[in-house]
Protein backbone atom coordinates (compact mmCIF):
# COMPACT_ATOMS: atom_id res chain seq x y z
CA UNK A 1 -24.14 -2.39 17.20
CA UNK A 2 -21.42 -4.03 19.26
CA UNK A 3 -18.22 -1.98 19.38
CA UNK A 4 -15.31 -3.62 17.61
CA UNK A 5 -12.62 -4.87 19.95
CA UNK A 6 -9.24 -5.47 18.37
CA UNK A 7 -7.36 -8.41 19.82
CA UNK A 8 -3.81 -9.55 19.33
CA UNK A 9 -3.70 -12.65 17.14
CA UNK A 10 -1.29 -15.42 18.00
CA UNK A 11 0.65 -16.83 15.07
CA UNK A 12 0.15 -20.58 14.71
CA UNK A 13 2.85 -23.11 13.89
CA UNK A 14 1.01 -23.92 10.67
CA UNK A 15 1.16 -20.27 9.65
CA UNK A 16 4.90 -20.13 10.39
CA UNK A 17 5.39 -23.15 8.15
CA UNK A 18 3.31 -21.56 5.39
CA UNK A 19 5.45 -18.43 5.59
CA UNK A 20 8.67 -20.44 5.38
CA UNK A 21 7.39 -22.23 2.30
CA UNK A 22 6.53 -18.87 0.74
CA UNK A 23 9.96 -17.42 1.55
CA UNK A 24 11.71 -20.43 0.04
CA UNK A 25 9.56 -20.57 -3.09
CA UNK A 26 10.55 -17.19 -4.51
CA UNK A 27 11.12 -13.48 -3.97
CA UNK A 28 9.08 -11.71 -1.32
CA UNK A 29 8.02 -8.25 -2.56
CA UNK A 30 10.01 -5.43 -1.00
CA UNK A 31 7.04 -3.06 -1.19
CA UNK A 32 3.35 -4.02 -1.26
CA UNK A 33 0.61 -1.44 -1.84
CA UNK A 34 -3.04 -2.23 -1.21
CA UNK A 35 -6.28 -0.56 -2.27
CA UNK A 36 -8.52 -1.61 0.63
CA UNK A 37 -11.93 -1.72 -1.04
CA UNK A 38 -15.31 -3.26 -0.24
CA UNK A 39 -15.92 -2.30 3.39
CA UNK A 40 -19.33 -0.77 2.64
CA UNK A 41 -20.51 -3.64 0.45
CA UNK A 42 -19.32 -6.15 3.03
CA UNK A 43 -21.40 -4.40 5.70
CA UNK A 44 -24.43 -4.18 3.42
CA UNK A 45 -24.26 -7.92 2.80
CA UNK A 46 -24.25 -8.39 6.58
CA UNK A 47 -27.29 -6.15 6.96
CA UNK A 48 -25.27 -3.54 8.81
CA UNK A 49 -24.22 0.08 8.29
CA UNK A 50 -21.15 0.96 6.20
CA UNK A 51 -19.12 2.11 9.20
CA UNK A 52 -19.27 -1.40 10.64
CA UNK A 53 -17.41 -2.63 7.57
CA UNK A 54 -14.70 -0.03 8.14
CA UNK A 55 -14.39 -1.11 11.79
CA UNK A 56 -13.97 -4.79 10.90
CA UNK A 57 -11.52 -3.72 8.20
CA UNK A 58 -9.19 -2.52 10.99
CA UNK A 59 -8.65 -6.17 11.94
CA UNK A 60 -7.56 -6.86 8.37
CA UNK A 61 -5.10 -3.95 8.56
CA UNK A 62 -3.51 -5.45 11.64
CA UNK A 63 -3.37 -9.00 10.29
CA UNK A 64 -1.85 -7.94 6.96
CA UNK A 65 0.63 -5.60 8.66
CA UNK A 66 1.79 -8.33 11.06
CA UNK A 67 2.08 -10.98 8.35
CA UNK A 68 4.03 -8.61 6.07
CA UNK A 69 6.47 -7.93 8.92
CA UNK A 70 6.83 -11.64 9.57
CA UNK A 71 7.50 -12.33 5.87
CA UNK A 72 10.18 -9.67 5.58
CA UNK A 73 8.25 -7.13 3.50
CA UNK A 74 9.93 -3.78 4.19
CA UNK A 75 7.24 -1.35 2.98
CA UNK A 76 3.45 -1.64 3.14
CA UNK A 77 1.34 1.23 1.77
CA UNK A 78 -2.40 1.20 2.44
CA UNK A 79 -4.87 3.42 0.57
CA UNK A 80 -6.89 4.37 3.64
CA UNK A 81 -8.70 7.54 2.53
CA UNK A 82 -8.65 9.20 -0.88
CA UNK A 83 -9.31 12.85 -1.69
CA UNK A 84 -12.50 11.68 -3.38
CA UNK A 85 -13.67 10.09 -0.11
CA UNK A 86 -14.37 13.55 1.29
CA UNK A 87 -17.44 13.52 -0.95
CA UNK A 88 -19.04 10.67 1.00
CA UNK A 89 -21.97 11.33 3.38
CA UNK A 90 -20.86 13.53 6.29
CA UNK A 91 -21.95 10.96 8.86
CA UNK A 92 -19.69 8.34 7.30
CA UNK A 93 -16.75 10.74 7.07
CA UNK A 94 -17.13 11.75 10.72
CA UNK A 95 -17.31 8.10 11.70
CA UNK A 96 -14.14 7.35 9.74
CA UNK A 97 -12.31 10.21 11.45
CA UNK A 98 -13.31 8.90 14.90
CA UNK A 99 -12.30 5.37 13.87
CA UNK A 100 -8.89 6.63 12.72
CA UNK A 101 -8.28 8.33 16.06
CA UNK A 102 -9.39 5.36 18.17
CA UNK A 103 -7.44 2.87 16.05
CA UNK A 104 -4.24 4.91 16.27
CA UNK A 105 -4.56 5.12 20.04
CA UNK A 106 -5.01 1.36 20.33
CA UNK A 107 -2.42 0.35 17.78
CA UNK A 108 0.50 2.79 18.15
CA UNK A 109 2.08 0.92 21.06
CA UNK A 110 1.61 -2.41 19.32
CA UNK A 111 3.33 -1.08 16.20
CA UNK A 112 6.20 0.17 18.33
CA UNK A 113 6.62 -3.18 20.14
CA UNK A 114 6.76 -4.94 16.78
CA UNK A 115 9.45 -2.56 15.44
CA UNK A 116 7.07 -1.13 12.81
CA UNK A 117 7.43 2.49 11.71
CA UNK A 118 4.31 4.48 10.82
CA UNK A 119 4.33 7.13 8.11
CA UNK A 120 1.72 8.95 6.01
CA UNK A 121 1.31 10.55 2.61
CA UNK A 122 -1.44 12.92 1.54
CA UNK A 123 -3.09 16.18 2.51
CA UNK A 124 -3.10 15.70 6.26
CA UNK A 125 -3.96 19.34 6.90
CA UNK A 126 -7.50 18.56 5.72
CA UNK A 127 -8.06 16.23 8.68
CA UNK A 128 -9.53 17.30 12.04
CA UNK A 129 -6.92 18.41 14.57
CA UNK A 130 -7.61 15.34 16.73
CA UNK A 131 -6.61 13.07 13.83
CA UNK A 132 -3.50 15.09 13.08
CA UNK A 133 -2.44 14.95 16.72
CA UNK A 134 -2.85 11.17 16.99
CA UNK A 135 -0.97 10.67 13.72
CA UNK A 136 1.92 12.87 14.79
CA UNK A 137 2.19 11.10 18.14
CA UNK A 138 2.15 7.63 16.56
CA UNK A 139 4.70 8.68 13.94
CA UNK A 140 6.97 10.16 16.61
CA UNK A 141 6.65 7.05 18.80
CA UNK A 142 7.65 4.69 15.98
CA UNK A 143 10.13 6.85 14.05
CA UNK A 144 13.22 4.78 14.94
CA UNK A 145 11.72 1.39 14.02
CA UNK A 146 13.00 -0.37 10.91
CA UNK A 147 11.43 -3.84 10.62
CA UNK A 148 8.62 -2.58 8.39
CA UNK A 149 7.34 0.84 7.31
CA UNK A 150 3.56 1.05 7.34
CA UNK A 151 2.48 4.04 5.24
CA UNK A 152 -1.12 5.24 5.37
CA UNK A 153 -2.27 7.16 2.30
CA UNK A 154 -4.73 9.67 3.80
CA UNK A 155 -6.58 12.29 1.78
CA UNK A 156 -4.26 11.12 -0.99
CA UNK A 157 -4.54 11.27 -4.76
CA UNK A 158 -1.98 10.28 -7.36
CA UNK A 159 -2.80 13.34 -9.46
CA UNK A 160 -2.32 15.60 -6.42
CA UNK A 161 1.04 13.93 -5.76
CA UNK A 162 2.29 14.52 -9.31
CA UNK A 163 0.90 18.08 -9.38
CA UNK A 164 2.72 18.96 -6.16
CA UNK A 165 5.96 17.52 -7.56
CA UNK A 166 5.57 19.60 -10.74
CA UNK A 167 4.98 22.75 -8.65
CA UNK A 168 8.17 22.17 -6.67
CA UNK A 169 10.23 21.59 -9.80
CA UNK A 170 8.66 24.61 -11.53
CA UNK A 171 9.65 26.76 -8.55
CA UNK A 172 13.28 25.65 -8.90
CA UNK A 173 13.18 26.57 -12.61
CA UNK A 174 11.57 29.94 -11.91
CA UNK A 175 14.22 30.78 -9.32
CA UNK A 176 16.96 29.93 -11.80
CA UNK A 177 18.21 26.98 -9.74
CA UNK A 178 17.31 24.35 -12.34
CA UNK A 179 17.78 23.99 -16.08
CA UNK A 180 14.49 22.59 -17.54
CA UNK A 181 16.55 20.32 -19.82
CA UNK A 182 17.75 18.46 -16.72
CA UNK A 183 14.24 17.40 -15.68
CA UNK A 184 13.87 13.63 -15.99
CA UNK A 185 11.97 10.69 -14.49
CA UNK A 186 14.33 10.43 -11.54
CA UNK A 187 13.88 14.10 -10.66
CA UNK A 188 10.10 13.86 -10.74
CA UNK A 189 10.22 10.76 -8.55
CA UNK A 190 12.48 12.56 -6.11
CA UNK A 191 9.83 15.26 -5.62
CA UNK A 192 6.90 12.91 -4.97
CA UNK A 193 5.63 12.22 -1.46
CA UNK A 194 7.12 8.72 -1.71
CA UNK A 195 10.61 9.93 -2.64
CA UNK A 196 12.30 7.91 0.13
CA UNK A 197 10.44 4.68 -0.64
CA UNK A 198 10.99 2.25 -3.56
CA UNK A 199 8.11 1.90 -6.00
CA UNK A 200 5.66 -0.92 -5.14
CA UNK A 201 6.52 -4.35 -6.48
CA UNK A 202 2.99 -5.63 -5.96
CA UNK A 203 -0.32 -3.79 -5.79
CA UNK A 204 -3.36 -5.61 -4.44
CA UNK A 205 -6.95 -4.48 -4.91
CA UNK A 206 -9.76 -6.09 -3.00
CA UNK A 207 -13.48 -6.27 -3.93
CA UNK A 208 -12.95 -7.19 -7.59
CA UNK A 209 -12.83 -3.70 -9.09
CA UNK A 210 -10.45 -3.35 -12.06
CA UNK A 211 -9.07 0.15 -11.55
CA UNK A 212 -6.39 1.88 -9.50
CA UNK A 213 -8.58 4.78 -8.35
CA UNK A 214 -6.04 7.60 -8.49
CA UNK A 215 -3.56 5.74 -6.28
CA UNK A 216 0.23 6.12 -6.75
CA UNK A 217 -0.21 6.84 -10.45
CA UNK A 218 3.48 7.51 -11.12
CA UNK A 219 4.84 4.86 -8.76
CA UNK A 220 2.77 1.96 -10.13
CA UNK A 221 4.26 2.12 -13.64
CA UNK A 222 5.73 -1.40 -13.41
CA UNK A 223 4.03 -2.84 -10.34
CA UNK A 224 2.47 -6.28 -10.62
CA UNK A 225 -1.32 -6.20 -10.19
CA UNK A 226 -3.34 -8.66 -8.14
CA UNK A 227 -7.12 -8.30 -7.97
CA UNK A 228 -9.31 -10.40 -5.71
CA UNK A 229 -13.10 -10.54 -5.37
CA UNK A 230 -12.70 -10.67 -1.57
CA UNK A 231 -13.92 -7.60 0.31
CA UNK A 232 -11.34 -5.95 2.54
CA UNK A 233 -12.85 -7.04 5.91
CA UNK A 234 -12.42 -10.67 4.80
CA UNK A 235 -8.93 -10.18 3.33
CA UNK A 236 -6.50 -11.84 5.74
CA UNK A 237 -3.05 -13.40 5.60
CA UNK A 238 -4.02 -16.49 3.59
CA UNK A 239 -5.27 -14.20 0.82
CA UNK A 240 -2.05 -12.19 1.09
CA UNK A 241 -0.01 -15.38 0.65
CA UNK A 242 -2.00 -16.20 -2.49
CA UNK A 243 -1.23 -12.73 -3.89
CA UNK A 244 2.48 -13.19 -3.20
CA UNK A 245 2.45 -16.65 -4.79
CA UNK A 246 0.92 -15.06 -7.89
CA UNK A 247 3.64 -12.39 -7.81
CA UNK A 248 6.37 -15.03 -7.54
CA UNK A 249 5.10 -16.64 -10.72
CA UNK A 250 5.40 -13.44 -12.78
CA UNK A 251 8.23 -12.62 -15.19
CA UNK A 252 9.02 -8.97 -14.35
CA UNK A 253 10.63 -7.50 -17.49
CA UNK A 254 10.10 -3.76 -16.87
CA UNK A 255 9.44 -3.26 -20.58
CA UNK A 256 12.48 -5.29 -21.64
CA UNK A 257 12.76 -8.75 -23.10
CA UNK A 258 13.33 -11.53 -20.58
CA UNK A 259 16.58 -13.47 -20.51
CA UNK A 260 14.86 -16.66 -21.60
CA UNK A 261 13.23 -14.93 -24.57
CA UNK A 262 16.53 -13.28 -25.50
CA UNK A 263 18.28 -16.63 -25.43
CA UNK A 264 15.55 -18.16 -27.57
CA UNK A 265 15.87 -15.33 -30.08
CA UNK A 266 19.64 -15.78 -30.18
CA UNK A 267 19.31 -19.53 -30.76
CA UNK A 268 16.82 -18.92 -33.55
CA UNK A 269 19.21 -16.53 -35.31
CA UNK A 270 22.01 -19.09 -35.10
CA UNK A 271 19.82 -21.78 -36.60
CA UNK A 272 18.73 -19.53 -39.47
CA UNK A 273 22.35 -18.49 -40.13
CA UNK A 274 23.53 -22.11 -40.35
CA UNK A 275 20.70 -23.07 -42.66
């Protein structure tokens, strides 16, 4: 199999125009989270091994990261490797670890040049030392950047995240530093691995599956969902723009009644009162 070579894509004038139209047509999400699914099925359809799908998926990561930065998205969280993924065949897991190392080496400098900060969430201590070293070096290199924060969820699970938060809070209670009656939503959120990041406005899932697969379970409470049949290796900026257009057409009420509905209800009451 030919080794994947990752090349810098040049933004076209047409793409710049499309982005301007998108910016002027509505709100750009502050935080986008993506479940990158379908690499294996994409490769199978091409008659190739699963790892080839993961390699081509790296190109999608770059294209989506660059387009998010260009659009003004401030946070992009990618579900790169779940705790459940450790149960995959050992050959695939080893290949994914090598791919992570090689991709970080190739991309760290590019992230830094584009003022993109890299961060991670998850159980990183489960990764091989080579992966941990590359991650730490890339994070250190990009720590002062502020155009966009690219967060990789690695060996991550939403249940693990909540469990760890509960343990921390329980320790404070046990030590007498916290009254249990003071525990609220805000406090739990402040003890999650994403405490310094706003909850996602938009979550995208590729490959057509209708589930969130143990990803950011607490944080996605009021995120807008966008599901596409497209496999991750084929998901590029035009698909991202379509997801954002869908997001811009939503009425985000966060469990409350919208202003327009409230006004309608008020008008209806006035009519009934007069009659």
